[in-house]
Each structure stands twice: as C-alpha cells, then as structure tokens.
C-alpha cells in the first residue's frame, strides 16, 4: 500500500480526543487510589532556578510527600523558581536540611530508604534499583552530580541507562524519569 492510500495507519481513531479538565482530575484520582508507597526527594546543590522549578513540578506530579534540600540548593521561594514550578511549589512541603549527611539523616528519620541517582561505580540501572516500598530519591547539582558525602550516605545508587552520544541528562529531566520509574514500579507490582 502506498503512503498516499488511506489505510489503518492514516485513519484517525474514532472518538479520540484530549481529556477535559474534569476527566483528568478523575484519572489522577484513580491513580492516587493505586498509590500507597511514600516517595521523598533529596536535592543537593541544584542552583539553577529553572531546574529547581521543574524538579518541584515533577515532585508534585508524582506525589512526593517531602522535599529535602542540601548544600547550596536554590530554595522554592527563589523568584526564578516560579517560572517553571507554575504554582506547584505550594504542593510539596520542603526544608533545607543542611549538609548531605544531615539531609540523609532527616530522610532516614522519616523511615525512607535513600537511593541516589548518579553515574557511579556501584550504580545499578534504574529499572533494577531497589525502589519498592517507601523510598527517597536523591539527585545532585547540574555540573558535578551527587557529592561523595551524599553517595556515601545513600543505601543504593542507580543510573539511568542511555544509548545516545550524550553522557548525561539535565538534572530536572533525570529527576522526572527517576520519580516516574519509582511510581511505575509500584503501579506494576
């Protein structure tokens, strides 16, 4: 069949349309009912406000219950964060927990296992990482990633497999992928 001949690949699906706001709310409510695990996020030394805003927005989307900041991470109150957070900063409770070791201790005090997302010697692929149950993901700054102190404090380290010619992802994108994988793992269990 030529590409100009109408066929199944060229026929729009009957009745397909974008969801309305009320449909989206209903869909999200259904997914929330399937979600029981607690998910936290530790962000170390992410300094770019747009990255922080995007991270916060992803945290809100995936139901992060608490955000711990460490090092010189830009706080959600920074005026530049609002441009990408789009108001979601009010949905994710946060605190600056001090050093990476202090932040890791705060995470553990809440009963969460700490999994750093980093390219490290003992890291496992994200899809094989111990993300079951109550977990807190940790990400590091734009240029240097997670500090040695944060890696030492983590219970496990995972990396995001990549096949392209670029060696790493933007921290906000990597955070969104890792949060999505943590939830996907729970939902498919």
C-alpha atoms as a PDB file:
ATOM      1  CA  UNK A   1       0.000   0.000   0.000  1.00  0.00           C
ATOM      2  CA  UNK A   2       1.440   3.399  -0.912  1.00  0.00           C
ATOM      3  CA  UNK A   3       1.670   6.184   1.643  1.00  0.00           C
ATOM      4  CA  UNK A   4      -0.995   8.148  -0.224  1.00  0.00           C
ATOM      5  CA  UNK A   5      -3.521   5.330   0.056  1.00  0.00           C
ATOM      6  CA  UNK A   6      -5.739   5.702   3.116  1.00  0.00           C
ATOM      7  CA  UNK A   7      -5.260   2.801   5.462  1.00  0.00           C
ATOM      8  CA  UNK A   8      -5.267   1.957   9.134  1.00  0.00           C
ATOM      9  CA  UNK A   9      -2.104   3.984   9.806  1.00  0.00           C
ATOM     10  CA  UNK A  10      -3.605   7.096   8.211  1.00  0.00           C
ATOM     11  CA  UNK A  11      -7.099   6.869   9.714  1.00  0.00           C
ATOM     12  CA  UNK A  12      -7.776   8.879  12.877  1.00  0.00           C
ATOM     13  CA  UNK A  13      -9.283   6.818  15.654  1.00  0.00           C
ATOM     14  CA  UNK A  14     -12.984   7.448  16.006  1.00  0.00           C
ATOM     15  CA  UNK A  15     -13.863   9.284  19.198  1.00  0.00           C
ATOM     16  CA  UNK A  16     -10.292  10.063  20.240  1.00  0.00           C
ATOM     17  CA  UNK A  17      -9.990  13.452  21.874  1.00  0.00           C
ATOM     18  CA  UNK A  18      -7.996  15.157  24.559  1.00  0.00           C
ATOM     19  CA  UNK A  19      -9.340  14.741  28.062  1.00  0.00           C
ATOM     20  CA  UNK A  20     -11.222  17.624  29.616  1.00  0.00           C
ATOM     21  CA  UNK A  21     -10.099  19.018  32.976  1.00  0.00           C
ATOM     22  CA  UNK A  22     -12.730  17.007  34.867  1.00  0.00           C
ATOM     23  CA  UNK A  23     -11.632  13.830  33.048  1.00  0.00           C
ATOM     24  CA  UNK A  24      -8.012  14.489  34.016  1.00  0.00           C
ATOM     25  CA  UNK A  25      -8.979  15.013  37.666  1.00  0.00           C
ATOM     26  CA  UNK A  26     -10.892  11.716  37.652  1.00  0.00           C
ATOM     27  CA  UNK A  27      -7.972   9.904  36.008  1.00  0.00           C
ATOM     28  CA  UNK A  28      -5.483  11.327  38.528  1.00  0.00           C
ATOM     29  CA  UNK A  29      -7.780  10.390  41.416  1.00  0.00           C
ATOM     30  CA  UNK A  30      -7.861   6.797  40.146  1.00  0.00           C
ATOM     31  CA  UNK A  31      -4.047   6.651  40.064  1.00  0.00           C
ATOM     32  CA  UNK A  32      -3.802   8.177  43.563  1.00  0.00           C
ATOM     33  CA  UNK A  33      -6.004   5.312  44.835  1.00  0.00           C
ATOM     34  CA  UNK A  34      -3.450   2.844  43.444  1.00  0.00           C
ATOM     35  CA  UNK A  35      -0.592   4.611  45.208  1.00  0.00           C
ATOM     36  CA  UNK A  36       0.405   3.638  48.735  1.00  0.00           C
ATOM     37  CA  UNK A  37       4.184   3.962  48.926  1.00  0.00           C
ATOM     38  CA  UNK A  38       5.733   7.091  50.342  1.00  0.00           C
ATOM     39  CA  UNK A  39       8.069   8.934  47.984  1.00  0.00           C
ATOM     40  CA  UNK A  40      10.545  11.602  49.037  1.00  0.00           C
ATOM     41  CA  UNK A  41      13.147  13.643  47.179  1.00  0.00           C
ATOM     42  CA  UNK A  42      16.512  14.977  48.309  1.00  0.00           C
ATOM     43  CA  UNK A  43      18.033  17.652  46.074  1.00  0.00           C
ATOM     44  CA  UNK A  44      21.663  18.578  46.656  1.00  0.00           C
ATOM     45  CA  UNK A  45      23.167  21.781  45.276  1.00  0.00           C
ATOM     46  CA  UNK A  46      20.867  22.282  42.280  1.00  0.00           C
ATOM     47  CA  UNK A  47      21.430  26.004  41.785  1.00  0.00           C
ATOM     48  CA  UNK A  48      19.576  26.905  38.595  1.00  0.00           C
ATOM     49  CA  UNK A  49      16.106  28.222  39.481  1.00  0.00           C
ATOM     50  CA  UNK A  50      14.518  26.823  36.296  1.00  0.00           C
ATOM     51  CA  UNK A  51      15.862  23.350  37.083  1.00  0.00           C
ATOM     52  CA  UNK A  52      14.598  23.611  40.649  1.00  0.00           C
ATOM     53  CA  UNK A  53      11.171  24.767  39.453  1.00  0.00           C
ATOM     54  CA  UNK A  54      10.944  21.858  37.039  1.00  0.00           C
ATOM     55  CA  UNK A  55      12.043  19.420  39.752  1.00  0.00           C
ATOM     56  CA  UNK A  56       9.378  20.757  42.104  1.00  0.00           C
ATOM     57  CA  UNK A  57       6.720  20.448  39.411  1.00  0.00           C
ATOM     58  CA  UNK A  58       7.695  16.817  38.778  1.00  0.00           C
ATOM     59  CA  UNK A  59       7.699  16.189  42.534  1.00  0.00           C
ATOM     60  CA  UNK A  60       4.136  17.491  42.753  1.00  0.00           C
ATOM     61  CA  UNK A  61       3.033  15.423  39.746  1.00  0.00           C
ATOM     62  CA  UNK A  62       4.373  12.168  41.224  1.00  0.00           C
ATOM     63  CA  UNK A  63       3.167  12.775  44.778  1.00  0.00           C
ATOM     64  CA  UNK A  64       6.443  13.461  46.549  1.00  0.00           C
ATOM     65  CA  UNK A  65       5.482  13.891  50.190  1.00  0.00           C
ATOM     66  CA  UNK A  66       8.575  15.867  51.221  1.00  0.00           C
ATOM     67  CA  UNK A  67      11.497  17.648  49.560  1.00  0.00           C
ATOM     68  CA  UNK A  68      14.799  17.925  51.416  1.00  0.00           C
ATOM     69  CA  UNK A  69      17.345  20.443  50.140  1.00  0.00           C
ATOM     70  CA  UNK A  70      21.052  20.079  50.889  1.00  0.00           C
ATOM     71  CA  UNK A  71      24.140  22.114  50.161  1.00  0.00           C
ATOM     72  CA  UNK A  72      23.537  25.300  48.206  1.00  0.00           C
ATOM     73  CA  UNK A  73      20.312  24.159  46.508  1.00  0.00           C
ATOM     74  CA  UNK A  74      18.104  27.020  45.353  1.00  0.00           C
ATOM     75  CA  UNK A  75      15.024  27.186  47.604  1.00  0.00           C
ATOM     76  CA  UNK A  76      11.477  27.054  46.193  1.00  0.00           C
ATOM     77  CA  UNK A  77      10.997  30.624  47.423  1.00  0.00           C
ATOM     78  CA  UNK A  78      13.504  31.995  44.875  1.00  0.00           C
ATOM     79  CA  UNK A  79      11.653  34.189  42.384  1.00  0.00           C
ATOM     80  CA  UNK A  80      13.084  32.335  39.372  1.00  0.00           C
ATOM     81  CA  UNK A  81      11.703  29.001  40.528  1.00  0.00           C
ATOM     82  CA  UNK A  82       8.098  30.111  39.995  1.00  0.00           C
ATOM     83  CA  UNK A  83       8.546  30.365  36.224  1.00  0.00           C
ATOM     84  CA  UNK A  84       8.781  26.585  35.830  1.00  0.00           C
ATOM     85  CA  UNK A  85       7.142  25.403  39.063  1.00  0.00           C
ATOM     86  CA  UNK A  86       3.886  27.106  37.974  1.00  0.00           C
ATOM     87  CA  UNK A  87       2.450  27.212  41.499  1.00  0.00           C
ATOM     88  CA  UNK A  88       3.284  23.612  42.374  1.00  0.00           C
ATOM     89  CA  UNK A  89       5.812  24.776  44.969  1.00  0.00           C
ATOM     90  CA  UNK A  90       2.884  25.174  47.389  1.00  0.00           C
ATOM     91  CA  UNK A  91       2.015  21.470  46.992  1.00  0.00           C
ATOM     92  CA  UNK A  92       5.328  19.964  48.115  1.00  0.00           C
ATOM     93  CA  UNK A  93       6.445  20.533  51.727  1.00  0.00           C
ATOM     94  CA  UNK A  94      10.157  21.253  51.869  1.00  0.00           C
ATOM     95  CA  UNK A  95      13.010  22.117  54.180  1.00  0.00           C
ATOM     96  CA  UNK A  96      16.677  22.934  53.865  1.00  0.00           C
ATOM     97  CA  UNK A  97      18.247  20.075  55.816  1.00  0.00           C
ATOM     98  CA  UNK A  98      21.860  21.310  55.803  1.00  0.00           C
ATOM     99  CA  UNK A  99      24.699  19.107  54.620  1.00  0.00           C
ATOM    100  CA  UNK A 100      24.140  15.976  52.526  1.00  0.00           C
ATOM    101  CA  UNK A 101      24.812  13.820  55.619  1.00  0.00           C
ATOM    102  CA  UNK A 102      22.298  15.815  57.667  1.00  0.00           C
ATOM    103  CA  UNK A 103      19.724  15.588  54.876  1.00  0.00           C
ATOM    104  CA  UNK A 104      20.261  11.818  54.601  1.00  0.00           C
ATOM    105  CA  UNK A 105      19.743  11.517  58.369  1.00  0.00           C
ATOM    106  CA  UNK A 106      16.498  13.510  58.083  1.00  0.00           C
ATOM    107  CA  UNK A 107      15.317  11.171  55.307  1.00  0.00           C
ATOM    108  CA  UNK A 108      16.076   8.083  57.413  1.00  0.00           C
ATOM    109  CA  UNK A 109      14.358   9.598  60.438  1.00  0.00           C
ATOM    110  CA  UNK A 110      11.186   9.619  58.310  1.00  0.00           C
ATOM    111  CA  UNK A 111      11.619   5.894  57.596  1.00  0.00           C
ATOM    112  CA  UNK A 112      12.603   6.205  53.931  1.00  0.00           C
ATOM    113  CA  UNK A 113      15.347   4.296  52.116  1.00  0.00           C
ATOM    114  CA  UNK A 114      17.711   6.649  50.234  1.00  0.00           C
ATOM    115  CA  UNK A 115      18.556   5.898  46.592  1.00  0.00           C
ATOM    116  CA  UNK A 116      20.889   8.318  44.823  1.00  0.00           C
ATOM    117  CA  UNK A 117      20.577   8.790  41.066  1.00  0.00           C
ATOM    118  CA  UNK A 118      24.119   9.096  39.791  1.00  0.00           C
ATOM    119  CA  UNK A 119      26.648   7.594  37.405  1.00  0.00           C
ATOM    120  CA  UNK A 120      28.827   5.803  39.969  1.00  0.00           C
ATOM    121  CA  UNK A 121      30.944   2.649  40.059  1.00  0.00           C
ATOM    122  CA  UNK A 122      28.443   0.576  42.049  1.00  0.00           C
ATOM    123  CA  UNK A 123      25.281   2.028  40.498  1.00  0.00           C
ATOM    124  CA  UNK A 124      22.660  -0.315  39.070  1.00  0.00           C
ATOM    125  CA  UNK A 125      20.332   0.526  36.180  1.00  0.00           C
ATOM    126  CA  UNK A 126      17.321   2.470  37.425  1.00  0.00           C
ATOM    127  CA  UNK A 127      14.905  -0.263  36.349  1.00  0.00           C
ATOM    128  CA  UNK A 128      16.788  -2.699  38.651  1.00  0.00           C
ATOM    129  CA  UNK A 129      17.196  -0.322  41.613  1.00  0.00           C
ATOM    130  CA  UNK A 130      15.547  -1.033  44.986  1.00  0.00           C
ATOM    131  CA  UNK A 131      12.642   1.386  44.545  1.00  0.00           C
ATOM    132  CA  UNK A 132       9.968  -0.732  46.218  1.00  0.00           C
ATOM    133  CA  UNK A 133       8.260   0.494  49.368  1.00  0.00           C
ATOM    134  CA  UNK A 134       8.945   3.838  50.986  1.00  0.00           C
ATOM    135  CA  UNK A 135      11.869   5.475  49.240  1.00  0.00           C
ATOM    136  CA  UNK A 136      13.547   8.838  48.815  1.00  0.00           C
ATOM    137  CA  UNK A 137      15.416   9.579  45.609  1.00  0.00           C
ATOM    138  CA  UNK A 138      18.457  11.859  45.723  1.00  0.00           C
ATOM    139  CA  UNK A 139      19.855  13.972  42.895  1.00  0.00           C
ATOM    140  CA  UNK A 140      22.850  16.275  42.754  1.00  0.00           C
ATOM    141  CA  UNK A 141      23.881  19.539  41.172  1.00  0.00           C
ATOM    142  CA  UNK A 142      23.968  20.382  37.491  1.00  0.00           C
ATOM    143  CA  UNK A 143      27.726  20.126  36.933  1.00  0.00           C
ATOM    144  CA  UNK A 144      29.033  17.648  39.477  1.00  0.00           C
ATOM    145  CA  UNK A 145      26.067  15.460  40.450  1.00  0.00           C
ATOM    146  CA  UNK A 146      25.798  13.911  43.889  1.00  0.00           C
ATOM    147  CA  UNK A 147      28.670  14.708  46.233  1.00  0.00           C
ATOM    148  CA  UNK A 148      30.872  11.933  47.682  1.00  0.00           C
ATOM    149  CA  UNK A 149      29.186  12.570  51.047  1.00  0.00           C
ATOM    150  CA  UNK A 150      25.709  12.012  49.581  1.00  0.00           C
ATOM    151  CA  UNK A 151      26.833   8.891  47.719  1.00  0.00           C
ATOM    152  CA  UNK A 152      28.348   7.514  50.936  1.00  0.00           C
ATOM    153  CA  UNK A 153      25.097   8.176  52.812  1.00  0.00           C
ATOM    154  CA  UNK A 154      22.876   6.506  50.182  1.00  0.00           C
ATOM    155  CA  UNK A 155      21.529   2.988  50.673  1.00  0.00           C
ATOM    156  CA  UNK A 156      21.854   2.363  46.937  1.00  0.00           C
ATOM    157  CA  UNK A 157      22.862   4.179  43.759  1.00  0.00           C
ATOM    158  CA  UNK A 158      21.104   3.924  40.416  1.00  0.00           C
ATOM    159  CA  UNK A 159      21.773   5.328  36.972  1.00  0.00           C
ATOM    160  CA  UNK A 160      19.508   5.970  34.012  1.00  0.00           C
ATOM    161  CA  UNK A 161      20.615   3.845  31.037  1.00  0.00           C
ATOM    162  CA  UNK A 162      21.366   5.949  27.963  1.00  0.00           C
ATOM    163  CA  UNK A 163      22.327   4.921  24.466  1.00  0.00           C
ATOM    164  CA  UNK A 164      22.903   8.277  22.798  1.00  0.00           C
ATOM    165  CA  UNK A 165      26.122  10.148  22.309  1.00  0.00           C
ATOM    166  CA  UNK A 166      25.473  12.491  25.217  1.00  0.00           C
ATOM    167  CA  UNK A 167      26.896  11.392  28.556  1.00  0.00           C
ATOM    168  CA  UNK A 168      24.215  12.670  30.903  1.00  0.00           C
ATOM    169  CA  UNK A 169      20.755  14.164  31.262  1.00  0.00           C
ATOM    170  CA  UNK A 170      19.682  17.534  32.620  1.00  0.00           C
ATOM    171  CA  UNK A 171      19.087  17.139  36.368  1.00  0.00           C
ATOM    172  CA  UNK A 172      15.411  18.121  36.113  1.00  0.00           C
ATOM    173  CA  UNK A 173      14.803  15.575  33.351  1.00  0.00           C
ATOM    174  CA  UNK A 174      16.696  12.856  35.226  1.00  0.00           C
ATOM    175  CA  UNK A 175      14.654  13.591  38.353  1.00  0.00           C
ATOM    176  CA  UNK A 176      11.373  13.303  36.443  1.00  0.00           C
ATOM    177  CA  UNK A 177      12.449   9.986  34.903  1.00  0.00           C
ATOM    178  CA  UNK A 178      13.501   8.588  38.294  1.00  0.00           C
ATOM    179  CA  UNK A 179      10.286   9.696  40.028  1.00  0.00           C
ATOM    180  CA  UNK A 180       8.205   8.217  37.216  1.00  0.00           C
ATOM    181  CA  UNK A 181      10.096   4.919  37.472  1.00  0.00           C
ATOM    182  CA  UNK A 182       9.546   4.740  41.228  1.00  0.00           C
ATOM    183  CA  UNK A 183       5.795   5.147  40.748  1.00  0.00           C
ATOM    184  CA  UNK A 184       5.679   2.871  37.692  1.00  0.00           C
ATOM    185  CA  UNK A 185       7.358   0.136  39.709  1.00  0.00           C
ATOM    186  CA  UNK A 186       4.753   0.445  42.439  1.00  0.00           C
ATOM    187  CA  UNK A 187       1.838   0.513  39.997  1.00  0.00           C
ATOM    188  CA  UNK A 188       3.042  -2.542  38.080  1.00  0.00           C
ATOM    189  CA  UNK A 189       3.722  -4.628  41.215  1.00  0.00           C
END
